[in-house]
Amino acid sequence: MDVIDAIGNTPLIRLKRVTEGLSTPVYIKCEHLNPGGSIKDRTARAIVLDAEEKGLLTPGATMIEGTAGNTGVGLALLASARGYRLICVLPEKMAVDKRIALRQLGSEVIITRNGPLTQPHNFRNVAKRLAEENGWFLTNQFFNPANLGAHYGTAKYPGTGEEVLAQVKALGYSTVGAFVMSSGTGGTISGSGRRLKEHDKSTQVVLADPIGSSIADWVNTGTLGPDGPFAVEGIGSGTVPGNLHRDVLDSAEKVSDAEAFAMVERLVKEEGLTVGGSTGVNVVAALRVAARGGLSGPVVTIACDQWDRYKSTAWMQAWMEREAAAVTLPG
């Protein structure tokens, strides 16, 4: 047994205080409790095992990934455990905390200028170019089908969707009413959503998308919306990732940065969940879906990652400053 076997089988808990007044229950799957602190541990495990089985990764090989940070952390854990070299390419807008964590885990880190996928300096384009020039294995989470398998399920490991089904059934429900999830690569919502819809085609699969991302409009209308700025990390895009499958999705909800960060604070203080900004997006959207009702079961969403990798960001710094100002000293 190694770190790979510690990934997954995360708890599903019911949100109580933030759902006050709602008749439809809302549950959150605590993927922030994976060994690397995020749902991307599942993606990393699936990609590494798939590459090993295909002979694409051999002892001493170098992996490279364009990442917002979390997939990099998952890959770094596995690289350490299995003897691979890992290079992570991050855009400069990502939290400094993630750069430090990746270095502490033994990875090499390259920072690129922010830019859309149409620009050569985009972090994903840089990772692809370096892989081609050096013969490194590009893990390619945005298009690698193994990412979908991590959430749909494989012969060896149950996927996120399969775990959710088993957990809601253990709680006495026959099905999931709605699965609400944001998209970075699309792997979680597409893989889990497909598995849940196979069980019950009435299950609603709803994309939670930050305002400024183009994808919500694409889900709702078939046409990408405007590409604007937003502060939430790791989700949303101006283009459609290869692992995001529109045929699985029923609708999309747009969530502002302010709503997301306010919900993170509530989740920490009212539910005891130490999570990051993308989880705030997920929960805001999940509460909207639950409020509309008309579902055949509970709403389920995902706690994507831990709050510790955002301490250097402006929104977290502002929160910390408010709390520091509220501290009273004796005398």
C-alpha atoms as a PDB file:
ATOM      1  CA  MET A   1       0.000   0.000   0.000  1.00  0.00           C
ATOM      2  CA  ASP A   2       1.236   3.505  -0.814  1.00  0.00           C
ATOM      3  CA  VAL A   3      -0.210   7.002  -1.089  1.00  0.00           C
ATOM      4  CA  ILE A   4      -2.273   5.989  -4.136  1.00  0.00           C
ATOM      5  CA  ASP A   5      -4.435   3.791  -1.929  1.00  0.00           C
ATOM      6  CA  ALA A   6      -5.166   6.677   0.441  1.00  0.00           C
ATOM      7  CA  ILE A   7      -6.914   8.651  -2.302  1.00  0.00           C
ATOM      8  CA  GLY A   8     -10.700   8.647  -2.498  1.00  0.00           C
ATOM      9  CA  ASN A   9     -13.419   7.197  -0.269  1.00  0.00           C
ATOM     10  CA  THR A  10     -13.972  10.685   1.120  1.00  0.00           C
ATOM     11  CA  PRO A  11     -16.917  11.453   3.431  1.00  0.00           C
ATOM     12  CA  LEU A  12     -20.237  12.895   2.311  1.00  0.00           C
ATOM     13  CA  ILE A  13     -21.695  15.285   4.864  1.00  0.00           C
ATOM     14  CA  ARG A  14     -24.922  17.246   5.018  1.00  0.00           C
ATOM     15  CA  LEU A  15     -24.730  21.040   5.028  1.00  0.00           C
ATOM     16  CA  LYS A  16     -26.925  22.315   7.847  1.00  0.00           C
ATOM     17  CA  ARG A  17     -26.530  25.961   8.801  1.00  0.00           C
ATOM     18  CA  VAL A  18     -25.935  27.432   5.328  1.00  0.00           C
ATOM     19  CA  THR A  19     -29.002  25.544   4.049  1.00  0.00           C
ATOM     20  CA  GLU A  20     -31.382  26.888   6.679  1.00  0.00           C
ATOM     21  CA  GLY A  21     -34.882  27.269   5.254  1.00  0.00           C
ATOM     22  CA  LEU A  22     -34.373  24.842   2.372  1.00  0.00           C
ATOM     23  CA  SER A  23     -36.524  21.720   2.179  1.00  0.00           C
ATOM     24  CA  THR A  24     -34.175  19.920  -0.234  1.00  0.00           C
ATOM     25  CA  PRO A  25     -31.101  18.526   1.542  1.00  0.00           C
ATOM     26  CA  VAL A  26     -27.650  19.502   0.261  1.00  0.00           C
ATOM     27  CA  TYR A  27     -24.621  17.252   0.769  1.00  0.00           C
ATOM     28  CA  ILE A  28     -20.963  17.989   0.112  1.00  0.00           C
ATOM     29  CA  LYS A  29     -18.338  15.379  -0.704  1.00  0.00           C
ATOM     30  CA  CYS A  30     -15.169  16.266   1.183  1.00  0.00           C
ATOM     31  CA  GLU A  31     -12.532  15.896  -1.508  1.00  0.00           C
ATOM     32  CA  HIS A  32     -10.400  18.440   0.359  1.00  0.00           C
ATOM     33  CA  LEU A  33      -9.589  15.573   2.742  1.00  0.00           C
ATOM     34  CA  ASN A  34      -7.599  13.624   0.144  1.00  0.00           C
ATOM     35  CA  PRO A  35      -3.867  13.287   0.979  1.00  0.00           C
ATOM     36  CA  GLY A  36      -2.912  16.161  -1.314  1.00  0.00           C
ATOM     37  CA  GLY A  37      -5.795  18.299  -0.105  1.00  0.00           C
ATOM     38  CA  SER A  38      -7.926  18.294  -3.256  1.00  0.00           C
ATOM     39  CA  ILE A  39     -10.080  16.340  -5.668  1.00  0.00           C
ATOM     40  CA  LYS A  40      -7.211  16.477  -8.154  1.00  0.00           C
ATOM     41  CA  ASP A  41      -5.498  13.629  -6.301  1.00  0.00           C
ATOM     42  CA  ARG A  42      -7.978  11.375  -8.103  1.00  0.00           C
ATOM     43  CA  THR A  43      -7.001  12.856 -11.463  1.00  0.00           C
ATOM     44  CA  ALA A  44      -3.304  12.435 -10.724  1.00  0.00           C
ATOM     45  CA  ARG A  45      -3.740   8.809  -9.678  1.00  0.00           C
ATOM     46  CA  ALA A  46      -5.737   7.917 -12.775  1.00  0.00           C
ATOM     47  CA  ILE A  47      -3.290   9.614 -15.163  1.00  0.00           C
ATOM     48  CA  VAL A  48      -0.191   8.045 -13.586  1.00  0.00           C
ATOM     49  CA  LEU A  49      -1.634   4.522 -13.454  1.00  0.00           C
ATOM     50  CA  ASP A  50      -2.916   4.756 -17.016  1.00  0.00           C
ATOM     51  CA  ALA A  51       0.469   5.971 -18.284  1.00  0.00           C
ATOM     52  CA  GLU A  52       2.304   3.211 -16.429  1.00  0.00           C
ATOM     53  CA  GLU A  53       0.009   0.558 -17.874  1.00  0.00           C
ATOM     54  CA  LYS A  54       0.639   1.912 -21.386  1.00  0.00           C
ATOM     55  CA  GLY A  55       4.406   2.088 -20.913  1.00  0.00           C
ATOM     56  CA  LEU A  56       4.453   5.887 -21.174  1.00  0.00           C
ATOM     57  CA  LEU A  57       5.973   6.226 -17.710  1.00  0.00           C
ATOM     58  CA  THR A  58       9.026   4.183 -16.803  1.00  0.00           C
ATOM     59  CA  PRO A  59      11.351   4.464 -13.773  1.00  0.00           C
ATOM     60  CA  GLY A  60      13.069   7.838 -13.643  1.00  0.00           C
ATOM     61  CA  ALA A  61      10.779   9.458 -16.243  1.00  0.00           C
ATOM     62  CA  THR A  62       9.885  13.148 -16.244  1.00  0.00           C
ATOM     63  CA  MET A  63       6.263  14.312 -16.122  1.00  0.00           C
ATOM     64  CA  ILE A  64       5.141  17.835 -16.958  1.00  0.00           C
ATOM     65  CA  GLU A  65       1.745  19.447 -16.410  1.00  0.00           C
ATOM     66  CA  GLY A  66       0.148  22.832 -16.934  1.00  0.00           C
ATOM     67  CA  THR A  67      -1.745  23.272 -13.671  1.00  0.00           C
ATOM     68  CA  ALA A  68      -3.505  25.761 -11.445  1.00  0.00           C
ATOM     69  CA  GLY A  69      -1.739  23.962  -8.607  1.00  0.00           C
ATOM     70  CA  ASN A  70      -3.938  21.156  -7.294  1.00  0.00           C
ATOM     71  CA  THR A  71      -3.263  18.581 -10.001  1.00  0.00           C
ATOM     72  CA  GLY A  72       0.393  19.443  -9.596  1.00  0.00           C
ATOM     73  CA  VAL A  73       0.228  18.651  -5.883  1.00  0.00           C
ATOM     74  CA  GLY A  74      -1.421  15.295  -6.578  1.00  0.00           C
ATOM     75  CA  LEU A  75       1.160  14.455  -9.234  1.00  0.00           C
ATOM     76  CA  ALA A  76       3.948  15.557  -6.896  1.00  0.00           C
ATOM     77  CA  LEU A  77       2.822  13.105  -4.224  1.00  0.00           C
ATOM     78  CA  LEU A  78       2.837  10.257  -6.721  1.00  0.00           C
ATOM     79  CA  ALA A  79       6.122  11.371  -8.295  1.00  0.00           C
ATOM     80  CA  SER A  80       7.754  11.248  -4.867  1.00  0.00           C
ATOM     81  CA  ALA A  81       6.280   7.844  -4.055  1.00  0.00           C
ATOM     82  CA  ARG A  82       7.114   6.263  -7.434  1.00  0.00           C
ATOM     83  CA  GLY A  83      10.402   7.887  -8.363  1.00  0.00           C
ATOM     84  CA  TYR A  84       9.449  10.315 -11.140  1.00  0.00           C
ATOM     85  CA  ARG A  85      10.607  13.836 -11.844  1.00  0.00           C
ATOM     86  CA  LEU A  86       7.810  16.409 -12.071  1.00  0.00           C
ATOM     87  CA  ILE A  87       7.746  19.850 -13.661  1.00  0.00           C
ATOM     88  CA  CYS A  88       4.694  22.062 -13.070  1.00  0.00           C
ATOM     89  CA  VAL A  89       3.880  25.085 -15.233  1.00  0.00           C
ATOM     90  CA  LEU A  90       1.638  27.630 -13.495  1.00  0.00           C
ATOM     91  CA  PRO A  91       0.262  30.990 -14.669  1.00  0.00           C
ATOM     92  CA  GLU A  92       1.462  33.872 -12.520  1.00  0.00           C
ATOM     93  CA  LYS A  93      -2.043  34.683 -11.224  1.00  0.00           C
ATOM     94  CA  MET A  94      -2.127  31.500  -9.127  1.00  0.00           C
ATOM     95  CA  ALA A  95      -1.509  31.804  -5.401  1.00  0.00           C
ATOM     96  CA  VAL A  96       2.101  31.897  -4.247  1.00  0.00           C
ATOM     97  CA  ASP A  97       1.120  29.280  -1.660  1.00  0.00           C
ATOM     98  CA  LYS A  98       0.749  26.740  -4.458  1.00  0.00           C
ATOM     99  CA  ARG A  99       4.203  27.459  -5.869  1.00  0.00           C
ATOM    100  CA  ILE A 100       5.738  26.965  -2.444  1.00  0.00           C
ATOM    101  CA  ALA A 101       3.815  23.754  -1.784  1.00  0.00           C
ATOM    102  CA  LEU A 102       4.922  22.278  -5.106  1.00  0.00           C
ATOM    103  CA  ARG A 103       8.554  23.144  -4.394  1.00  0.00           C
ATOM    104  CA  GLN A 104       8.295  21.658  -0.912  1.00  0.00           C
ATOM    105  CA  LEU A 105       7.007  18.451  -2.481  1.00  0.00           C
ATOM    106  CA  GLY A 106      10.082  18.265  -4.702  1.00  0.00           C
ATOM    107  CA  SER A 107       8.627  19.519  -7.972  1.00  0.00           C
ATOM    108  CA  GLU A 108      10.225  22.000 -10.328  1.00  0.00           C
ATOM    109  CA  VAL A 109       8.037  25.045 -10.961  1.00  0.00           C
ATOM    110  CA  ILE A 110       7.865  27.280 -14.037  1.00  0.00           C
ATOM    111  CA  ILE A 111       5.745  30.457 -13.887  1.00  0.00           C
ATOM    112  CA  THR A 112       4.309  31.920 -17.092  1.00  0.00           C
ATOM    113  CA  ARG A 113       2.681  35.242 -17.858  1.00  0.00           C
ATOM    114  CA  ASN A 114      -1.108  35.199 -17.744  1.00  0.00           C
ATOM    115  CA  GLY A 115      -2.643  34.806 -21.168  1.00  0.00           C
ATOM    116  CA  PRO A 116      -5.404  33.041 -23.090  1.00  0.00           C
ATOM    117  CA  LEU A 117      -4.935  29.681 -24.756  1.00  0.00           C
ATOM    118  CA  THR A 118      -4.449  31.475 -28.073  1.00  0.00           C
ATOM    119  CA  GLN A 119      -1.136  32.892 -26.828  1.00  0.00           C
ATOM    120  CA  PRO A 120       2.117  30.868 -26.897  1.00  0.00           C
ATOM    121  CA  HIS A 121       2.976  31.926 -23.335  1.00  0.00           C
ATOM    122  CA  ASN A 122      -0.235  30.394 -21.934  1.00  0.00           C
ATOM    123  CA  PHE A 123       0.781  27.881 -19.242  1.00  0.00           C
ATOM    124  CA  ARG A 124      -0.785  24.926 -21.050  1.00  0.00           C
ATOM    125  CA  ASN A 125       0.969  25.801 -24.303  1.00  0.00           C
ATOM    126  CA  VAL A 126       4.310  26.163 -22.514  1.00  0.00           C
ATOM    127  CA  ALA A 127       3.909  22.734 -20.893  1.00  0.00           C
ATOM    128  CA  LYS A 128       3.059  21.141 -24.230  1.00  0.00           C
ATOM    129  CA  ARG A 129       6.016  22.766 -25.998  1.00  0.00           C
ATOM    130  CA  LEU A 130       8.503  21.734 -23.305  1.00  0.00           C
ATOM    131  CA  ALA A 131       7.188  18.167 -23.359  1.00  0.00           C
ATOM    132  CA  GLU A 132       7.674  17.959 -27.125  1.00  0.00           C
ATOM    133  CA  GLU A 133      11.141  19.531 -27.044  1.00  0.00           C
ATOM    134  CA  ASN A 134      12.454  17.337 -24.231  1.00  0.00           C
ATOM    135  CA  GLY A 135      10.595  14.061 -24.675  1.00  0.00           C
ATOM    136  CA  TRP A 136       8.839  14.424 -21.332  1.00  0.00           C
ATOM    137  CA  PHE A 137       5.460  12.848 -20.559  1.00  0.00           C
ATOM    138  CA  LEU A 138       2.715  15.496 -20.793  1.00  0.00           C
ATOM    139  CA  THR A 139       0.050  14.464 -18.291  1.00  0.00           C
ATOM    140  CA  ASN A 140      -2.423  16.730 -20.135  1.00  0.00           C
ATOM    141  CA  GLN A 141      -5.256  16.781 -17.599  1.00  0.00           C
ATOM    142  CA  PHE A 142      -7.487  18.930 -19.828  1.00  0.00           C
ATOM    143  CA  PHE A 143      -7.697  16.288 -22.572  1.00  0.00           C
ATOM    144  CA  ASN A 144      -6.430  13.043 -21.038  1.00  0.00           C
ATOM    145  CA  PRO A 145      -9.393  10.606 -20.925  1.00  0.00           C
ATOM    146  CA  ALA A 146      -7.909   9.026 -17.792  1.00  0.00           C
ATOM    147  CA  ASN A 147      -9.107  12.168 -16.002  1.00  0.00           C
ATOM    148  CA  LEU A 148     -12.697  11.239 -16.855  1.00  0.00           C
ATOM    149  CA  GLY A 149     -12.063   7.696 -15.645  1.00  0.00           C
ATOM    150  CA  ALA A 150     -11.021   9.038 -12.255  1.00  0.00           C
ATOM    151  CA  HIS A 151     -14.583  10.248 -11.719  1.00  0.00           C
ATOM    152  CA  TYR A 152     -16.601   7.798 -13.785  1.00  0.00           C
ATOM    153  CA  GLY A 153     -14.711   4.840 -12.329  1.00  0.00           C
ATOM    154  CA  THR A 154     -12.234   2.198 -13.477  1.00  0.00           C
ATOM    155  CA  ALA A 155     -11.813  -1.526 -12.972  1.00  0.00           C
ATOM    156  CA  LYS A 156      -9.486  -0.888 -10.029  1.00  0.00           C
ATOM    157  CA  TYR A 157     -10.935   2.196  -8.335  1.00  0.00           C
ATOM    158  CA  PRO A 158     -14.519   3.464  -7.987  1.00  0.00           C
ATOM    159  CA  GLY A 159     -15.007   6.945  -9.392  1.00  0.00           C
ATOM    160  CA  THR A 160     -16.342   9.989  -7.590  1.00  0.00           C
ATOM    161  CA  GLY A 161     -19.803   9.413  -9.082  1.00  0.00           C
ATOM    162  CA  GLU A 162     -19.897   5.780  -7.945  1.00  0.00           C
ATOM    163  CA  GLU A 163     -18.884   6.770  -4.428  1.00  0.00           C
ATOM    164  CA  VAL A 164     -21.597   9.435  -4.302  1.00  0.00           C
ATOM    165  CA  LEU A 165     -24.248   6.906  -5.363  1.00  0.00           C
ATOM    166  CA  ALA A 166     -23.186   4.418  -2.707  1.00  0.00           C
ATOM    167  CA  GLN A 167     -23.141   7.105  -0.029  1.00  0.00           C
ATOM    168  CA  VAL A 168     -26.574   8.577  -0.780  1.00  0.00           C
ATOM    169  CA  LYS A 169     -28.055   5.075  -0.879  1.00  0.00           C
ATOM    170  CA  ALA A 170     -26.510   4.362   2.530  1.00  0.00           C
ATOM    171  CA  LEU A 171     -28.313   7.490   3.782  1.00  0.00           C
ATOM    172  CA  GLY A 172     -31.632   6.109   2.573  1.00  0.00           C
ATOM    173  CA  TYR A 173     -32.019   7.907  -0.771  1.00  0.00           C
ATOM    174  CA  SER A 174     -32.606   6.011  -4.000  1.00  0.00           C
ATOM    175  CA  THR A 175     -30.900   8.553  -6.238  1.00  0.00           C
ATOM    176  CA  VAL A 176     -29.195  11.942  -6.523  1.00  0.00           C
ATOM    177  CA  GLY A 177     -31.523  14.791  -7.416  1.00  0.00           C
ATOM    178  CA  ALA A 178     -28.802  17.092  -8.726  1.00  0.00           C
ATOM    179  CA  PHE A 179     -25.029  17.071  -8.950  1.00  0.00           C
ATOM    180  CA  VAL A 180     -23.546  20.579  -8.931  1.00  0.00           C
ATOM    181  CA  MET A 181     -19.895  21.133  -9.782  1.00  0.00           C
ATOM    182  CA  SER A 182     -17.561  23.685 -11.331  1.00  0.00           C
ATOM    183  CA  SER A 183     -15.194  22.866 -14.193  1.00  0.00           C
ATOM    184  CA  GLY A 184     -11.457  23.283 -14.438  1.00  0.00           C
ATOM    185  CA  THR A 185     -10.688  20.452 -16.823  1.00  0.00           C
ATOM    186  CA  GLY A 186     -14.270  19.141 -16.911  1.00  0.00           C
ATOM    187  CA  GLY A 187     -13.236  15.733 -15.624  1.00  0.00           C
ATOM    188  CA  THR A 188     -15.172  15.723 -12.360  1.00  0.00           C
ATOM    189  CA  ILE A 189     -18.506  17.020 -13.624  1.00  0.00           C
ATOM    190  CA  SER A 190     -18.427  15.023 -16.877  1.00  0.00           C
ATOM    191  CA  GLY A 191     -17.194  11.732 -15.415  1.00  0.00           C
ATOM    192  CA  SER A 192     -19.300  11.837 -12.249  1.00  0.00           C
ATOM    193  CA  GLY A 193     -22.306  13.291 -14.064  1.00  0.00           C
ATOM    194  CA  ARG A 194     -22.301  10.556 -16.684  1.00  0.00           C
ATOM    195  CA  ARG A 195     -22.173   7.842 -14.022  1.00  0.00           C
ATOM    196  CA  LEU A 196     -25.008   9.435 -12.049  1.00  0.00           C
ATOM    197  CA  LYS A 197     -27.178   9.819 -15.153  1.00  0.00           C
ATOM    198  CA  GLU A 198     -26.618   6.175 -16.056  1.00  0.00           C
ATOM    199  CA  HIS A 199     -28.137   5.307 -12.704  1.00  0.00           C
ATOM    200  CA  ASP A 200     -31.030   7.783 -13.054  1.00  0.00           C
ATOM    201  CA  LYS A 201     -31.538   9.912 -16.144  1.00  0.00           C
ATOM    202  CA  SER A 202     -33.622  12.399 -14.117  1.00  0.00           C
ATOM    203  CA  THR A 203     -30.538  13.473 -12.129  1.00  0.00           C
ATOM    204  CA  GLN A 204     -29.732  17.073 -12.992  1.00  0.00           C
ATOM    205  CA  VAL A 205     -26.061  17.854 -13.686  1.00  0.00           C
ATOM    206  CA  VAL A 206     -25.448  21.564 -13.180  1.00  0.00           C
ATOM    207  CA  LEU A 207     -22.256  23.475 -13.915  1.00  0.00           C
ATOM    208  CA  ALA A 208     -21.236  26.097 -11.333  1.00  0.00           C
ATOM    209  CA  ASP A 209     -19.213  28.746 -13.164  1.00  0.00           C
ATOM    210  CA  PRO A 210     -17.543  31.966 -11.996  1.00  0.00           C
ATOM    211  CA  ILE A 211     -18.794  35.194 -13.560  1.00  0.00           C
ATOM    212  CA  GLY A 212     -16.113  36.111 -16.099  1.00  0.00           C
ATOM    213  CA  SER A 213     -15.810  32.552 -17.401  1.00  0.00           C
ATOM    214  CA  SER A 214     -17.249  31.819 -20.843  1.00  0.00           C
ATOM    215  CA  ILE A 215     -18.459  28.298 -20.174  1.00  0.00           C
ATOM    216  CA  ALA A 216     -21.822  28.866 -18.470  1.00  0.00           C
ATOM    217  CA  ASP A 217     -23.197  30.541 -21.590  1.00  0.00           C
ATOM    218  CA  TRP A 218     -21.882  27.664 -23.701  1.00  0.00           C
ATOM    219  CA  VAL A 219     -23.743  25.180 -21.512  1.00  0.00           C
ATOM    220  CA  ASN A 220     -26.978  27.184 -21.533  1.00  0.00           C
ATOM    221  CA  THR A 221     -26.979  28.453 -25.141  1.00  0.00           C
ATOM    222  CA  GLY A 222     -24.336  26.534 -27.105  1.00  0.00           C
ATOM    223  CA  THR A 223     -22.240  29.682 -27.622  1.00  0.00           C
ATOM    224  CA  LEU A 224     -19.276  30.755 -25.493  1.00  0.00           C
ATOM    225  CA  GLY A 225     -19.902  33.903 -23.493  1.00  0.00           C
ATOM    226  CA  PRO A 226     -17.501  36.827 -23.028  1.00  0.00           C
ATOM    227  CA  ASP A 227     -14.129  36.046 -21.476  1.00  0.00           C
ATOM    228  CA  GLY A 228     -13.569  38.313 -18.482  1.00  0.00           C
ATOM    229  CA  PRO A 229     -11.514  38.464 -15.289  1.00  0.00           C
ATOM    230  CA  PHE A 230     -12.329  36.616 -12.087  1.00  0.00           C
ATOM    231  CA  ALA A 231     -10.360  35.859  -8.931  1.00  0.00           C
ATOM    232  CA  VAL A 232     -11.480  32.311  -8.105  1.00  0.00           C
ATOM    233  CA  GLU A 233      -8.693  29.911  -9.073  1.00  0.00           C
ATOM    234  CA  GLY A 234      -8.659  26.586 -10.868  1.00  0.00           C
ATOM    235  CA  ILE A 235     -12.081  26.753 -12.522  1.00  0.00           C
ATOM    236  CA  GLY A 236     -13.728  28.582 -15.406  1.00  0.00           C
ATOM    237  CA  SER A 237     -12.199  29.332 -18.796  1.00  0.00           C
ATOM    238  CA  GLY A 238     -12.513  31.273 -22.019  1.00  0.00           C
ATOM    239  CA  THR A 239     -12.373  27.991 -23.959  1.00  0.00           C
ATOM    240  CA  VAL A 240     -13.984  24.584 -23.557  1.00  0.00           C
ATOM    241  CA  PRO A 241     -11.624  21.921 -22.145  1.00  0.00           C
ATOM    242  CA  GLY A 242     -11.636  18.593 -23.933  1.00  0.00           C
ATOM    243  CA  ASN A 243     -12.885  16.715 -20.880  1.00  0.00           C
ATOM    244  CA  LEU A 244     -16.007  18.868 -20.479  1.00  0.00           C
ATOM    245  CA  HIS A 245     -18.852  17.071 -22.254  1.00  0.00           C
ATOM    246  CA  ARG A 246     -21.926  19.215 -22.884  1.00  0.00           C
ATOM    247  CA  ASP A 247     -24.204  16.218 -23.454  1.00  0.00           C
ATOM    248  CA  VAL A 248     -23.877  15.384 -19.750  1.00  0.00           C
ATOM    249  CA  LEU A 249     -24.828  18.869 -18.567  1.00  0.00           C
ATOM    250  CA  ASP A 250     -28.355  20.163 -18.035  1.00  0.00           C
ATOM    251  CA  SER A 251     -27.718  23.785 -17.103  1.00  0.00           C
ATOM    252  CA  ALA A 252     -25.230  26.231 -15.592  1.00  0.00           C
ATOM    253  CA  GLU A 253     -25.258  28.742 -12.738  1.00  0.00           C
ATOM    254  CA  LYS A 254     -23.072  31.857 -12.692  1.00  0.00           C
ATOM    255  CA  VAL A 255     -21.516  32.854  -9.366  1.00  0.00           C
ATOM    256  CA  SER A 256     -19.607  36.043  -8.577  1.00  0.00           C
ATOM    257  CA  ASP A 257     -16.268  36.172  -6.765  1.00  0.00           C
ATOM    258  CA  ALA A 258     -17.916  38.066  -3.913  1.00  0.00           C
ATOM    259  CA  GLU A 259     -20.605  35.406  -3.476  1.00  0.00           C
ATOM    260  CA  ALA A 260     -18.024  32.628  -3.593  1.00  0.00           C
ATOM    261  CA  PHE A 261     -15.641  34.151  -1.056  1.00  0.00           C
ATOM    262  CA  ALA A 262     -18.475  35.085   1.312  1.00  0.00           C
ATOM    263  CA  MET A 263     -19.672  31.477   1.163  1.00  0.00           C
ATOM    264  CA  VAL A 264     -16.170  30.170   1.930  1.00  0.00           C
ATOM    265  CA  GLU A 265     -16.200  32.210   5.136  1.00  0.00           C
ATOM    266  CA  ARG A 266     -19.608  30.820   6.028  1.00  0.00           C
ATOM    267  CA  LEU A 267     -18.519  27.250   5.321  1.00  0.00           C
ATOM    268  CA  VAL A 268     -15.514  27.661   7.594  1.00  0.00           C
ATOM    269  CA  LYS A 269     -17.404  29.347  10.439  1.00  0.00           C
ATOM    270  CA  GLU A 270     -20.782  27.601  10.186  1.00  0.00           C
ATOM    271  CA  GLU A 271     -19.956  24.133   8.848  1.00  0.00           C
ATOM    272  CA  GLY A 272     -16.327  23.570   9.921  1.00  0.00           C
ATOM    273  CA  LEU A 273     -15.181  23.099   6.324  1.00  0.00           C
ATOM    274  CA  THR A 274     -11.764  24.640   5.600  1.00  0.00           C
ATOM    275  CA  VAL A 275     -12.123  25.002   1.840  1.00  0.00           C
ATOM    276  CA  GLY A 276     -11.041  27.244  -1.041  1.00  0.00           C
ATOM    277  CA  GLY A 277     -12.828  29.597  -3.419  1.00  0.00           C
ATOM    278  CA  SER A 278     -14.039  27.063  -5.982  1.00  0.00           C
ATOM    279  CA  THR A 279     -15.958  25.269  -3.233  1.00  0.00           C
ATOM    280  CA  GLY A 280     -17.702  28.567  -2.512  1.00  0.00           C
ATOM    281  CA  VAL A 281     -18.790  28.691  -6.159  1.00  0.00           C
ATOM    282  CA  ASN A 282     -20.074  25.121  -5.938  1.00  0.00           C
ATOM    283  CA  VAL A 283     -22.087  25.673  -2.772  1.00  0.00           C
ATOM    284  CA  VAL A 284     -23.671  28.949  -3.882  1.00  0.00           C
ATOM    285  CA  ALA A 285     -24.880  27.215  -7.059  1.00  0.00           C
ATOM    286  CA  ALA A 286     -25.989  24.107  -5.143  1.00  0.00           C
ATOM    287  CA  LEU A 287     -28.131  26.190  -2.782  1.00  0.00           C
ATOM    288  CA  ARG A 288     -29.847  27.851  -5.746  1.00  0.00           C
ATOM    289  CA  VAL A 289     -30.629  24.472  -7.307  1.00  0.00           C
ATOM    290  CA  ALA A 290     -31.936  23.149  -3.982  1.00  0.00           C
ATOM    291  CA  ALA A 291     -34.113  26.249  -3.482  1.00  0.00           C
ATOM    292  CA  ARG A 292     -35.893  25.651  -6.788  1.00  0.00           C
ATOM    293  CA  GLY A 293     -36.861  22.126  -5.693  1.00  0.00           C
ATOM    294  CA  GLY A 294     -38.612  19.642  -7.958  1.00  0.00           C
ATOM    295  CA  LEU A 295     -35.828  17.079  -7.577  1.00  0.00           C
ATOM    296  CA  SER A 296     -35.992  13.329  -7.036  1.00  0.00           C
ATOM    297  CA  GLY A 297     -33.321  13.339  -4.319  1.00  0.00           C
ATOM    298  CA  PRO A 298     -30.734  15.483  -2.551  1.00  0.00           C
ATOM    299  CA  VAL A 299     -28.349  17.957  -4.134  1.00  0.00           C
ATOM    300  CA  VAL A 300     -24.708  16.869  -4.005  1.00  0.00           C
ATOM    301  CA  THR A 301     -21.704  19.101  -4.562  1.00  0.00           C
ATOM    302  CA  ILE A 302     -17.940  18.933  -4.007  1.00  0.00           C
ATOM    303  CA  ALA A 303     -15.479  20.468  -1.554  1.00  0.00           C
ATOM    304  CA  CYS A 304     -12.657  20.838  -4.067  1.00  0.00           C
ATOM    305  CA  ASP A 305      -9.626  21.806  -2.018  1.00  0.00           C
ATOM    306  CA  GLN A 306      -8.202  23.163   1.231  1.00  0.00           C
ATOM    307  CA  TRP A 307      -8.017  26.813   2.217  1.00  0.00           C
ATOM    308  CA  ASP A 308      -4.306  26.612   3.133  1.00  0.00           C
ATOM    309  CA  ARG A 309      -3.206  27.204  -0.482  1.00  0.00           C
ATOM    310  CA  TYR A 310      -4.908  30.610  -0.662  1.00  0.00           C
ATOM    311  CA  LYS A 311      -3.498  32.415   2.382  1.00  0.00           C
ATOM    312  CA  SER A 312      -1.462  34.767   0.163  1.00  0.00           C
ATOM    313  CA  THR A 313      -4.398  35.815  -2.059  1.00  0.00           C
ATOM    314  CA  ALA A 314      -6.038  39.240  -1.791  1.00  0.00           C
ATOM    315  CA  TRP A 315      -9.420  37.854  -0.734  1.00  0.00           C
ATOM    316  CA  MET A 316      -7.944  35.656   1.999  1.00  0.00           C
ATOM    317  CA  GLN A 317      -5.616  38.422   3.175  1.00  0.00           C
ATOM    318  CA  ALA A 318      -8.604  40.781   3.523  1.00  0.00           C
ATOM    319  CA  TRP A 319     -10.439  38.189   5.600  1.00  0.00           C
ATOM    320  CA  MET A 320      -7.379  37.629   7.812  1.00  0.00           C
ATOM    321  CA  GLU A 321      -7.008  41.376   8.349  1.00  0.00           C
ATOM    322  CA  ARG A 322     -10.657  41.664   9.429  1.00  0.00           C
ATOM    323  CA  GLU A 323     -10.200  38.861  11.928  1.00  0.00           C
ATOM    324  CA  ALA A 324      -6.943  40.326  13.241  1.00  0.00           C
ATOM    325  CA  ALA A 325      -8.626  43.689  13.762  1.00  0.00           C
ATOM    326  CA  ALA A 326     -11.369  42.006  15.781  1.00  0.00           C
ATOM    327  CA  VAL A 327      -8.926  40.448  18.264  1.00  0.00           C
ATOM    328  CA  THR A 328      -9.047  42.141  21.662  1.00  0.00           C
ATOM    329  CA  LEU A 329      -6.079  42.225  23.985  1.00  0.00           C
ATOM    330  CA  PRO A 330      -6.400  42.013  27.783  1.00  0.00           C
ATOM    331  CA  GLY A 331      -6.124  45.208  29.758  1.00  0.00           C
END
